[in-house]
Amino acid sequence: MVVIAIFLESVATLLNSLIFMYILIVIAGAVLTWVNIDPYNPFVQIVRRLTEPVYDYMRRRIPTTFNGVDIAPLILLISLQFISIFVVNVLLYFANSLK
């Protein structure tokens, strides 16, 4: 049982780290929309390739534009924070109960 607990802790930690890295990418993408930067820049292309599919999925499901302002990044950041807090804590709770 200890092995499963350690595995669950590892998964929770890895998931938390991946969500944090994606949050940083979303923030970078939001900042890039405020700045007039070359769209052919490799960094800009990577950030857009990582964020635009999620934004498109969200835009198909819920309205994200209000008064000309797209709040898809904000909705995504709140969703990622919720997933990070809820799922990671559930995994850690199960890991601690197995010890």
C-alpha atoms as a PDB file:
ATOM      1  CA  MET A   1       0.000   0.000   0.000  1.00  0.00           C
ATOM      2  CA  VAL A   2       2.901   2.346   0.644  1.00  0.00           C
ATOM      3  CA  VAL A   3       4.008   1.963  -2.967  1.00  0.00           C
ATOM      4  CA  ILE A   4       0.570   3.013  -4.210  1.00  0.00           C
ATOM      5  CA  ALA A   5       0.594   5.976  -1.816  1.00  0.00           C
ATOM      6  CA  ILE A   6       3.987   7.105  -3.097  1.00  0.00           C
ATOM      7  CA  PHE A   7       2.773   6.654  -6.681  1.00  0.00           C
ATOM      8  CA  LEU A   8      -0.315   8.794  -6.012  1.00  0.00           C
ATOM      9  CA  GLU A   9       1.819  11.493  -4.381  1.00  0.00           C
ATOM     10  CA  SER A  10       4.112  11.462  -7.409  1.00  0.00           C
ATOM     11  CA  VAL A  11       1.190  11.747  -9.817  1.00  0.00           C
ATOM     12  CA  ALA A  12      -0.285  14.610  -7.779  1.00  0.00           C
ATOM     13  CA  THR A  13       3.025  16.472  -7.717  1.00  0.00           C
ATOM     14  CA  LEU A  14       3.611  15.952 -11.434  1.00  0.00           C
ATOM     15  CA  LEU A  15       0.069  17.047 -12.278  1.00  0.00           C
ATOM     16  CA  ASN A  16       0.446  20.152 -10.132  1.00  0.00           C
ATOM     17  CA  SER A  17       3.730  21.022 -11.878  1.00  0.00           C
ATOM     18  CA  LEU A  18       2.256  20.522 -15.355  1.00  0.00           C
ATOM     19  CA  ILE A  19      -0.758  22.674 -14.532  1.00  0.00           C
ATOM     20  CA  PHE A  20       1.529  25.390 -13.162  1.00  0.00           C
ATOM     21  CA  MET A  21       3.638  25.356 -16.351  1.00  0.00           C
ATOM     22  CA  TYR A  22       0.497  25.597 -18.489  1.00  0.00           C
ATOM     23  CA  ILE A  23      -0.741  28.489 -16.359  1.00  0.00           C
ATOM     24  CA  LEU A  24       2.517  30.302 -17.124  1.00  0.00           C
ATOM     25  CA  ILE A  25       2.014  29.616 -20.841  1.00  0.00           C
ATOM     26  CA  VAL A  26      -1.541  30.987 -20.708  1.00  0.00           C
ATOM     27  CA  ILE A  27      -0.326  34.121 -18.918  1.00  0.00           C
ATOM     28  CA  ALA A  28       2.449  34.563 -21.506  1.00  0.00           C
ATOM     29  CA  GLY A  29      -0.129  34.195 -24.290  1.00  0.00           C
ATOM     30  CA  ALA A  30      -2.376  36.798 -22.702  1.00  0.00           C
ATOM     31  CA  VAL A  31       0.524  39.234 -22.359  1.00  0.00           C
ATOM     32  CA  LEU A  32       1.524  38.627 -25.985  1.00  0.00           C
ATOM     33  CA  THR A  33      -1.926  39.732 -27.146  1.00  0.00           C
ATOM     34  CA  TRP A  34      -1.346  43.142 -25.549  1.00  0.00           C
ATOM     35  CA  VAL A  35       1.984  43.652 -27.337  1.00  0.00           C
ATOM     36  CA  ASN A  36       2.394  44.076 -31.077  1.00  0.00           C
ATOM     37  CA  ILE A  37       4.874  41.264 -31.672  1.00  0.00           C
ATOM     38  CA  ASP A  38       5.877  39.388 -34.817  1.00  0.00           C
ATOM     39  CA  PRO A  39       3.421  36.476 -35.271  1.00  0.00           C
ATOM     40  CA  TYR A  40       6.176  34.467 -36.989  1.00  0.00           C
ATOM     41  CA  ASN A  41       8.359  34.513 -33.901  1.00  0.00           C
ATOM     42  CA  PRO A  42       8.909  30.861 -32.817  1.00  0.00           C
ATOM     43  CA  PHE A  43       8.044  31.627 -29.185  1.00  0.00           C
ATOM     44  CA  VAL A  44       4.760  33.249 -30.197  1.00  0.00           C
ATOM     45  CA  GLN A  45       3.903  30.326 -32.457  1.00  0.00           C
ATOM     46  CA  ILE A  46       4.567  27.780 -29.695  1.00  0.00           C
ATOM     47  CA  VAL A  47       2.451  29.701 -27.189  1.00  0.00           C
ATOM     48  CA  ARG A  48      -0.405  30.026 -29.673  1.00  0.00           C
ATOM     49  CA  ARG A  49      -0.237  26.338 -30.631  1.00  0.00           C
ATOM     50  CA  LEU A  50      -0.466  25.393 -26.974  1.00  0.00           C
ATOM     51  CA  THR A  51      -3.300  27.756 -26.052  1.00  0.00           C
ATOM     52  CA  GLU A  52      -5.519  28.274 -29.108  1.00  0.00           C
ATOM     53  CA  PRO A  53      -6.978  24.716 -29.220  1.00  0.00           C
ATOM     54  CA  VAL A  54      -8.174  25.085 -25.632  1.00  0.00           C
ATOM     55  CA  TYR A  55      -9.545  28.571 -26.312  1.00  0.00           C
ATOM     56  CA  ASP A  56     -11.382  27.312 -29.409  1.00  0.00           C
ATOM     57  CA  TYR A  57     -12.930  24.474 -27.393  1.00  0.00           C
ATOM     58  CA  MET A  58     -14.056  26.917 -24.705  1.00  0.00           C
ATOM     59  CA  ARG A  59     -15.416  29.410 -27.242  1.00  0.00           C
ATOM     60  CA  ARG A  60     -17.567  26.687 -28.824  1.00  0.00           C
ATOM     61  CA  ARG A  61     -19.042  25.752 -25.432  1.00  0.00           C
ATOM     62  CA  ILE A  62     -19.561  29.112 -23.713  1.00  0.00           C
ATOM     63  CA  PRO A  63     -19.541  32.774 -24.771  1.00  0.00           C
ATOM     64  CA  THR A  64     -16.184  34.282 -23.850  1.00  0.00           C
ATOM     65  CA  THR A  65     -16.384  37.717 -25.469  1.00  0.00           C
ATOM     66  CA  PHE A  66     -18.003  40.550 -23.543  1.00  0.00           C
ATOM     67  CA  ASN A  67     -17.916  44.136 -24.870  1.00  0.00           C
ATOM     68  CA  GLY A  68     -15.118  43.187 -27.244  1.00  0.00           C
ATOM     69  CA  VAL A  69     -12.934  41.682 -24.506  1.00  0.00           C
ATOM     70  CA  ASP A  70     -12.114  37.981 -24.724  1.00  0.00           C
ATOM     71  CA  ILE A  71     -12.076  36.476 -21.245  1.00  0.00           C
ATOM     72  CA  ALA A  72     -11.168  32.950 -22.391  1.00  0.00           C
ATOM     73  CA  PRO A  73      -7.711  33.156 -20.746  1.00  0.00           C
ATOM     74  CA  LEU A  74      -9.290  34.204 -17.455  1.00  0.00           C
ATOM     75  CA  ILE A  75     -11.819  31.370 -17.577  1.00  0.00           C
ATOM     76  CA  LEU A  76      -9.032  28.938 -18.428  1.00  0.00           C
ATOM     77  CA  LEU A  77      -6.849  30.169 -15.560  1.00  0.00           C
ATOM     78  CA  ILE A  78      -9.693  29.810 -13.066  1.00  0.00           C
ATOM     79  CA  SER A  79     -10.462  26.322 -14.389  1.00  0.00           C
ATOM     80  CA  LEU A  80      -6.831  25.271 -14.143  1.00  0.00           C
ATOM     81  CA  GLN A  81      -6.611  26.581 -10.582  1.00  0.00           C
ATOM     82  CA  PHE A  82      -9.732  24.626  -9.647  1.00  0.00           C
ATOM     83  CA  ILE A  83      -8.377  21.445 -11.217  1.00  0.00           C
ATOM     84  CA  SER A  84      -5.061  21.955  -9.510  1.00  0.00           C
ATOM     85  CA  ILE A  85      -6.584  22.485  -6.084  1.00  0.00           C
ATOM     86  CA  PHE A  86      -9.315  19.856  -6.284  1.00  0.00           C
ATOM     87  CA  VAL A  87      -7.695  16.955  -8.140  1.00  0.00           C
ATOM     88  CA  VAL A  88      -4.276  17.299  -6.540  1.00  0.00           C
ATOM     89  CA  ASN A  89      -5.760  17.465  -3.050  1.00  0.00           C
ATOM     90  CA  VAL A  90      -7.975  14.434  -3.723  1.00  0.00           C
ATOM     91  CA  LEU A  91      -4.961  12.449  -4.897  1.00  0.00           C
ATOM     92  CA  LEU A  92      -2.945  13.519  -1.880  1.00  0.00           C
ATOM     93  CA  TYR A  93      -5.829  12.648   0.440  1.00  0.00           C
ATOM     94  CA  PHE A  94      -6.038   9.134  -1.017  1.00  0.00           C
ATOM     95  CA  ALA A  95      -2.271   8.775  -0.788  1.00  0.00           C
ATOM     96  CA  ASN A  96      -2.287   9.781   2.878  1.00  0.00           C
ATOM     97  CA  SER A  97      -5.152   7.410   3.647  1.00  0.00           C
ATOM     98  CA  LEU A  98      -3.144   4.507   2.205  1.00  0.00           C
ATOM     99  CA  LYS A  99      -0.167   5.104   4.487  1.00  0.00           C
END
